[in-house]
C-alpha atoms as a PDB file:
ATOM      1  CA  MET A   1     -18.463   4.863 -15.248  1.00  0.00           C
ATOM      2  CA  TRP A   2     -15.081   4.560 -16.910  1.00  0.00           C
ATOM      3  CA  GLY A   3     -15.535   0.971 -18.055  1.00  0.00           C
ATOM      4  CA  THR A   4     -15.026  -2.610 -16.928  1.00  0.00           C
ATOM      5  CA  LEU A   5     -12.026  -4.860 -16.505  1.00  0.00           C
ATOM      6  CA  ARG A   6     -12.587  -8.611 -16.312  1.00  0.00           C
ATOM      7  CA  GLY A   7     -16.275  -7.950 -15.602  1.00  0.00           C
ATOM      8  CA  VAL A   8     -15.634  -5.577 -12.677  1.00  0.00           C
ATOM      9  CA  PRO A   9     -16.933  -2.003 -13.148  1.00  0.00           C
ATOM     10  CA  VAL A  10     -14.120   0.530 -12.999  1.00  0.00           C
ATOM     11  CA  GLY A  11     -15.284   4.066 -12.337  1.00  0.00           C
ATOM     12  CA  ARG A  12     -11.972   5.888 -12.672  1.00  0.00           C
ATOM     13  CA  GLU A  13      -8.986   6.127 -14.973  1.00  0.00           C
ATOM     14  CA  PRO A  14      -5.929   4.136 -13.872  1.00  0.00           C
ATOM     15  CA  ILE A  15      -3.762   5.750 -11.209  1.00  0.00           C
ATOM     16  CA  TRP A  16       0.013   5.535 -11.666  1.00  0.00           C
ATOM     17  CA  LEU A  17       1.955   4.607  -8.553  1.00  0.00           C
ATOM     18  CA  PRO A  18       5.609   5.571  -8.044  1.00  0.00           C
ATOM     19  CA  SER A  19       7.936   3.134  -9.821  1.00  0.00           C
ATOM     20  CA  LYS A  20      10.077   0.574  -8.019  1.00  0.00           C
ATOM     21  CA  LEU A  21      13.252  -1.428  -8.657  1.00  0.00           C
ATOM     22  CA  PRO A  22      12.992  -5.169  -9.359  1.00  0.00           C
ATOM     23  CA  THR A  23      14.729  -6.104  -6.094  1.00  0.00           C
ATOM     24  CA  ALA A  24      12.870  -3.578  -3.914  1.00  0.00           C
ATOM     25  CA  ILE A  25      10.108  -4.453  -1.464  1.00  0.00           C
ATOM     26  CA  LYS A  26       8.056  -1.282  -1.337  1.00  0.00           C
ATOM     27  CA  GLY A  27       4.919  -0.209   0.512  1.00  0.00           C
ATOM     28  CA  TYR A  28       2.139   1.798  -1.141  1.00  0.00           C
ATOM     29  CA  ARG A  29      -1.027   3.564   0.041  1.00  0.00           C
ATOM     30  CA  HIS A  30      -4.210   4.356  -1.850  1.00  0.00           C
ATOM     31  CA  GLU A  31      -7.261   6.224  -0.577  1.00  0.00           C
ATOM     32  CA  ILE A  32     -10.534   4.676  -1.696  1.00  0.00           C
ATOM     33  CA  ASP A  33     -13.942   6.275  -2.203  1.00  0.00           C
ATOM     34  CA  PRO A  34     -15.494   7.335   1.148  1.00  0.00           C
ATOM     35  CA  LEU A  35     -18.701   5.420   0.333  1.00  0.00           C
ATOM     36  CA  ASP A  36     -16.701   2.225  -0.137  1.00  0.00           C
ATOM     37  CA  ALA A  37     -14.720   2.887   3.038  1.00  0.00           C
ATOM     38  CA  GLN A  38     -17.824   3.325   5.258  1.00  0.00           C
ATOM     39  CA  VAL A  39     -19.371  -0.076   4.614  1.00  0.00           C
ATOM     40  CA  LEU A  40     -16.450  -2.103   3.305  1.00  0.00           C
ATOM     41  CA  SER A  41     -16.717  -5.857   3.831  1.00  0.00           C
ATOM     42  CA  SER A  42     -13.734  -7.071   1.770  1.00  0.00           C
ATOM     43  CA  LEU A  43     -10.870  -6.050  -0.504  1.00  0.00           C
ATOM     44  CA  SER A  44      -8.871  -7.982  -3.057  1.00  0.00           C
ATOM     45  CA  LEU A  45      -5.781  -6.976  -5.011  1.00  0.00           C
ATOM     46  CA  ALA A  46      -4.366  -8.807  -8.044  1.00  0.00           C
ATOM     47  CA  ALA A  47      -1.529  -8.023 -10.472  1.00  0.00           C
ATOM     48  CA  ALA A  48      -1.158  -8.641 -14.218  1.00  0.00           C
ATOM     49  CA  PRO A  49       0.908 -10.037 -15.845  1.00  0.00           C
ATOM     50  CA  SER A  50       1.448 -12.812 -13.323  1.00  0.00           C
ATOM     51  CA  GLY A  51       3.583 -15.892 -12.750  1.00  0.00           C
ATOM     52  CA  THR A  52       7.079 -16.800 -11.624  1.00  0.00           C
ATOM     53  CA  GLY A  53       9.412 -13.777 -11.474  1.00  0.00           C
ATOM     54  CA  GLU A  54       6.597 -11.259 -11.836  1.00  0.00           C
ATOM     55  CA  LEU A  55       5.357  -8.606  -9.403  1.00  0.00           C
ATOM     56  CA  THR A  56       4.095 -10.057  -6.118  1.00  0.00           C
ATOM     57  CA  ILE A  57       1.739  -8.620  -3.510  1.00  0.00           C
ATOM     58  CA  SER A  58       2.916  -9.598  -0.056  1.00  0.00           C
ATOM     59  CA  ALA A  59       0.545  -7.652   2.204  1.00  0.00           C
ATOM     60  CA  LEU A  60      -2.855  -5.937   2.029  1.00  0.00           C
ATOM     61  CA  SER A  61      -4.572  -4.002   4.805  1.00  0.00           C
ATOM     62  CA  PHE A  62      -7.213  -1.337   5.296  1.00  0.00           C
ATOM     63  CA  ALA A  63      -7.797   1.352   7.927  1.00  0.00           C
ATOM     64  CA  ALA A  64      -9.574   4.738   7.947  1.00  0.00           C
ATOM     65  CA  GLY A  65     -10.248   4.773   4.194  1.00  0.00           C
ATOM     66  CA  ILE A  66      -6.636   3.980   3.267  1.00  0.00           C
ATOM     67  CA  VAL A  67      -5.598   0.732   1.592  1.00  0.00           C
ATOM     68  CA  THR A  68      -1.960  -0.201   2.175  1.00  0.00           C
ATOM     69  CA  PHE A  69      -0.116  -2.940   0.328  1.00  0.00           C
ATOM     70  CA  THR A  70       3.419  -4.155  -0.250  1.00  0.00           C
ATOM     71  CA  LEU A  71       4.849  -5.010  -3.668  1.00  0.00           C
ATOM     72  CA  ALA A  72       7.983  -7.022  -4.367  1.00  0.00           C
ATOM     73  CA  ALA A  73       9.951  -8.407  -7.339  1.00  0.00           C
ATOM     74  CA  GLY A  74       8.888  -7.700 -10.938  1.00  0.00           C
ATOM     75  CA  GLN A  75      10.569  -7.714 -14.337  1.00  0.00           C
ATOM     76  CA  PRO A  76      12.709  -4.671 -15.233  1.00  0.00           C
ATOM     77  CA  THR A  77      11.035  -2.160 -17.599  1.00  0.00           C
ATOM     78  CA  ARG A  78       7.639  -3.911 -17.320  1.00  0.00           C
ATOM     79  CA  ARG A  79       4.425  -2.026 -16.570  1.00  0.00           C
ATOM     80  CA  TYR A  80       1.979  -3.855 -14.322  1.00  0.00           C
ATOM     81  CA  THR A  81      -1.740  -3.391 -13.817  1.00  0.00           C
ATOM     82  CA  LEU A  82      -3.191  -3.853 -10.343  1.00  0.00           C
ATOM     83  CA  LEU A  83      -6.929  -4.417  -9.848  1.00  0.00           C
ATOM     84  CA  LEU A  84      -8.145  -3.392  -6.396  1.00  0.00           C
ATOM     85  CA  THR A  85     -11.695  -4.623  -5.828  1.00  0.00           C
ATOM     86  CA  ALA A  86     -13.724  -3.242  -2.902  1.00  0.00           C
ATOM     87  CA  THR A  87     -16.909  -5.076  -1.892  1.00  0.00           C
ATOM     88  CA  ARG A  88     -19.396  -3.244   0.298  1.00  0.00           C
ATOM     89  CA  SER A  89     -21.654  -4.935   2.840  1.00  0.00           C
ATOM     90  CA  GLU A  90     -24.727  -4.634   0.574  1.00  0.00           C
ATOM     91  CA  GLY A  91     -22.861  -6.411  -2.236  1.00  0.00           C
ATOM     92  CA  LEU A  92     -21.897  -3.429  -4.429  1.00  0.00           C
ATOM     93  CA  VAL A  93     -18.461  -3.960  -6.007  1.00  0.00           C
ATOM     94  CA  SER A  94     -16.130  -1.084  -6.932  1.00  0.00           C
ATOM     95  CA  GLY A  95     -12.956  -1.513  -8.927  1.00  0.00           C
ATOM     96  CA  TYR A  96      -9.834   0.631  -8.835  1.00  0.00           C
ATOM     97  CA  LEU A  97      -7.143   0.305 -11.515  1.00  0.00           C
ATOM     98  CA  LEU A  98      -3.596   1.048 -10.449  1.00  0.00           C
ATOM     99  CA  LYS A  99      -0.489   0.949 -12.656  1.00  0.00           C
ATOM    100  CA  ILE A 100       3.169   0.655 -11.749  1.00  0.00           C
ATOM    101  CA  GLN A 101       6.391   0.419 -13.711  1.00  0.00           C
ATOM    102  CA  VAL A 102       9.378  -1.581 -12.541  1.00  0.00           C
ATOM    103  CA  ASP A 103      12.503   0.380 -13.451  1.00  0.00           C
ATOM    104  CA  TYR A 104      15.579  -1.132 -15.043  1.00  0.00           C
ATOM    105  CA  VAL A 105      18.758  -1.769 -13.064  1.00  0.00           C
ATOM    106  CA  LEU A 106      21.118  -1.915 -16.032  1.00  0.00           C
ATOM    107  CA  ILE A 107      20.503   0.015 -19.249  1.00  0.00           C
ATOM    108  CA  THR A 108      20.517  -3.326 -21.096  1.00  0.00           C
ATOM    109  CA  ASP A 109      17.745  -4.880 -18.959  1.00  0.00           C
ATOM    110  CA  GLN A 110      14.907  -6.406 -20.976  1.00  0.00           C
ATOM    111  CA  PRO A 111      11.736  -8.006 -19.588  1.00  0.00           C
ATOM    112  CA  GLN A 112      11.222 -11.731 -20.096  1.00  0.00           C
ATOM    113  CA  VAL A 113       8.066 -13.072 -21.696  1.00  0.00           C
ATOM    114  CA  ALA A 114       5.358 -13.134 -19.035  1.00  0.00           C
ATOM    115  CA  PRO A 115       4.229 -16.631 -17.959  1.00  0.00           C
ATOM    116  CA  SER A 116       0.612 -15.399 -17.881  1.00  0.00           C
ATOM    117  CA  VAL A 117      -0.725 -12.120 -19.229  1.00  0.00           C
ATOM    118  CA  GLY A 118      -3.793 -12.296 -16.958  1.00  0.00           C
ATOM    119  CA  PHE A 119      -4.251 -11.442 -13.314  1.00  0.00           C
ATOM    120  CA  GLY A 120      -2.741 -13.816 -10.788  1.00  0.00           C
ATOM    121  CA  THR A 121      -4.224 -15.001  -7.519  1.00  0.00           C
ATOM    122  CA  ALA A 122      -5.618 -12.078  -5.562  1.00  0.00           C
ATOM    123  CA  VAL A 123      -4.542 -11.160  -2.044  1.00  0.00           C
ATOM    124  CA  VAL A 124      -7.671 -10.712   0.078  1.00  0.00           C
ATOM    125  CA  TRP A 125      -8.515  -8.572   3.124  1.00  0.00           C
ATOM    126  CA  PRO A 126      -9.714  -9.384   5.789  1.00  0.00           C
END
């Protein structure tokens, strides 16, 4: 066990995803634990910080042990934390921490103060 985040057990260190530009809409893939994949009943994905102008999750799907999701927007130079929560049919919950940095467009880009430092509304599958 690596620890907990917002009460959800997280069994692994955070995984860094490839960075994106603030204006890019980019798809990502993440392979989850085979035990979670066999009896998966639901997934949720939330980003922190959250609010207007922050990173948004526009799609979430799952097939053959691979979670795919699409990220858009985000403040330049800001690092975001994504919490992927997998719930198995017997009720066991597994958490996966993912991190991503939004690159700057201009060398003078500075992030604005985040409207909320916590996780926003989660996107849910199915």
